[in-house]
């Protein structure tokens, strides 16, 4: 393996371990806007306006990225969203 390939491999691993992951929240026909907004504020530390904008994007576009970070950071947040009855996954 050349030095250049080694550096690229290290960068790729570094990117995977850092903030290239995102929680995607999906639209559903069950949860109210208020529940989604309250949950985003509580679980993702969103400000009210940010949570409202995410809820609107989810409603009209079908999905929205609501939090980015490392996999280790996002897993408990995504679990809390799921526990609240929302549809979410980490990409």
Protein backbone atom coordinates (compact mmCIF):
# COMPACT_ATOMS: atom_id res chain seq x y z
CA UNK A 1 0.00 0.00 0.00
CA UNK A 2 1.42 3.36 -0.97
CA UNK A 3 1.67 6.27 1.45
CA UNK A 4 -1.07 8.10 -0.45
CA UNK A 5 -3.43 5.10 -0.19
CA UNK A 6 -2.65 4.77 3.51
CA UNK A 7 -3.45 8.44 4.14
CA UNK A 8 -6.72 8.14 2.20
CA UNK A 9 -7.66 5.02 4.16
CA UNK A 10 -6.94 6.79 7.46
CA UNK A 11 -9.04 9.77 6.41
CA UNK A 12 -11.94 7.48 5.44
CA UNK A 13 -11.82 5.70 8.80
CA UNK A 14 -11.53 9.04 10.59
CA UNK A 15 -14.61 10.34 8.74
CA UNK A 16 -16.60 7.25 9.70
CA UNK A 17 -15.76 7.75 13.35
CA UNK A 18 -16.55 11.46 13.37
CA UNK A 19 -19.54 13.55 12.37
CA UNK A 20 -20.58 12.12 9.00
CA UNK A 21 -23.63 10.35 10.39
CA UNK A 22 -27.10 11.87 10.51
CA UNK A 23 -30.40 11.02 12.12
CA UNK A 24 -33.16 11.11 9.51
CA UNK A 25 -36.68 11.67 10.81
CA UNK A 26 -39.49 10.29 8.61
CA UNK A 27 -43.09 11.37 8.18
CA UNK A 28 -45.90 9.28 9.61
CA UNK A 29 -49.65 9.59 9.95
CA UNK A 30 -49.66 9.08 13.72
CA UNK A 31 -47.76 11.83 15.52
CA UNK A 32 -48.95 15.40 15.91
CA UNK A 33 -46.83 18.42 15.04
CA UNK A 34 -46.73 19.35 18.72
CA UNK A 35 -45.44 15.91 19.72
CA UNK A 36 -42.74 15.97 17.03
CA UNK A 37 -41.67 19.52 17.95
CA UNK A 38 -41.64 18.80 21.69
CA UNK A 39 -39.66 15.59 21.14
CA UNK A 40 -37.07 17.29 18.91
CA UNK A 41 -36.61 20.01 21.51
CA UNK A 42 -36.27 17.53 24.36
CA UNK A 43 -34.21 14.83 22.67
CA UNK A 44 -32.16 16.72 20.05
CA UNK A 45 -31.80 20.00 21.96
CA UNK A 46 -33.45 21.92 19.13
CA UNK A 47 -34.68 25.45 19.65
CA UNK A 48 -38.44 25.83 19.08
CA UNK A 49 -38.05 27.37 15.62
CA UNK A 50 -35.60 24.69 14.47
CA UNK A 51 -37.88 21.91 15.72
CA UNK A 52 -40.88 23.49 13.99
CA UNK A 53 -38.97 23.82 10.71
CA UNK A 54 -37.85 20.18 10.89
CA UNK A 55 -41.43 19.07 11.58
CA UNK A 56 -42.67 21.02 8.55
CA UNK A 57 -39.93 19.57 6.32
CA UNK A 58 -40.79 16.05 7.49
CA UNK A 59 -44.46 16.68 6.79
CA UNK A 60 -44.02 18.16 3.32
CA UNK A 61 -40.87 16.38 2.09
CA UNK A 62 -41.29 13.04 3.86
CA UNK A 63 -38.04 13.21 5.80
CA UNK A 64 -35.50 15.57 7.33
CA UNK A 65 -32.04 15.30 8.86
CA UNK A 66 -32.45 16.37 12.47
CA UNK A 67 -29.05 15.71 14.06
CA UNK A 68 -25.54 14.93 12.85
CA UNK A 69 -22.59 13.58 14.75
CA UNK A 70 -20.69 10.43 15.54
CA UNK A 71 -22.46 7.09 15.59
CA UNK A 72 -21.74 6.82 19.32
CA UNK A 73 -23.39 10.19 19.96
CA UNK A 74 -26.40 9.57 17.70
CA UNK A 75 -27.41 6.05 18.76
CA UNK A 76 -28.98 7.03 22.11
CA UNK A 77 -30.66 10.06 20.53
CA UNK A 78 -32.15 7.96 17.74
CA UNK A 79 -33.31 5.40 20.31
CA UNK A 80 -35.03 8.16 22.29
CA UNK A 81 -36.81 9.37 19.13
CA UNK A 82 -37.97 5.82 18.42
CA UNK A 83 -39.07 5.37 22.05
CA UNK A 84 -41.18 8.53 21.63
CA UNK A 85 -42.98 6.87 18.72
CA UNK A 86 -41.22 8.74 15.90
CA UNK A 87 -39.78 7.07 12.80
CA UNK A 88 -36.05 7.68 12.55
CA UNK A 89 -32.82 6.04 11.49
CA UNK A 90 -29.13 6.85 11.37
CA UNK A 91 -27.58 7.20 7.93
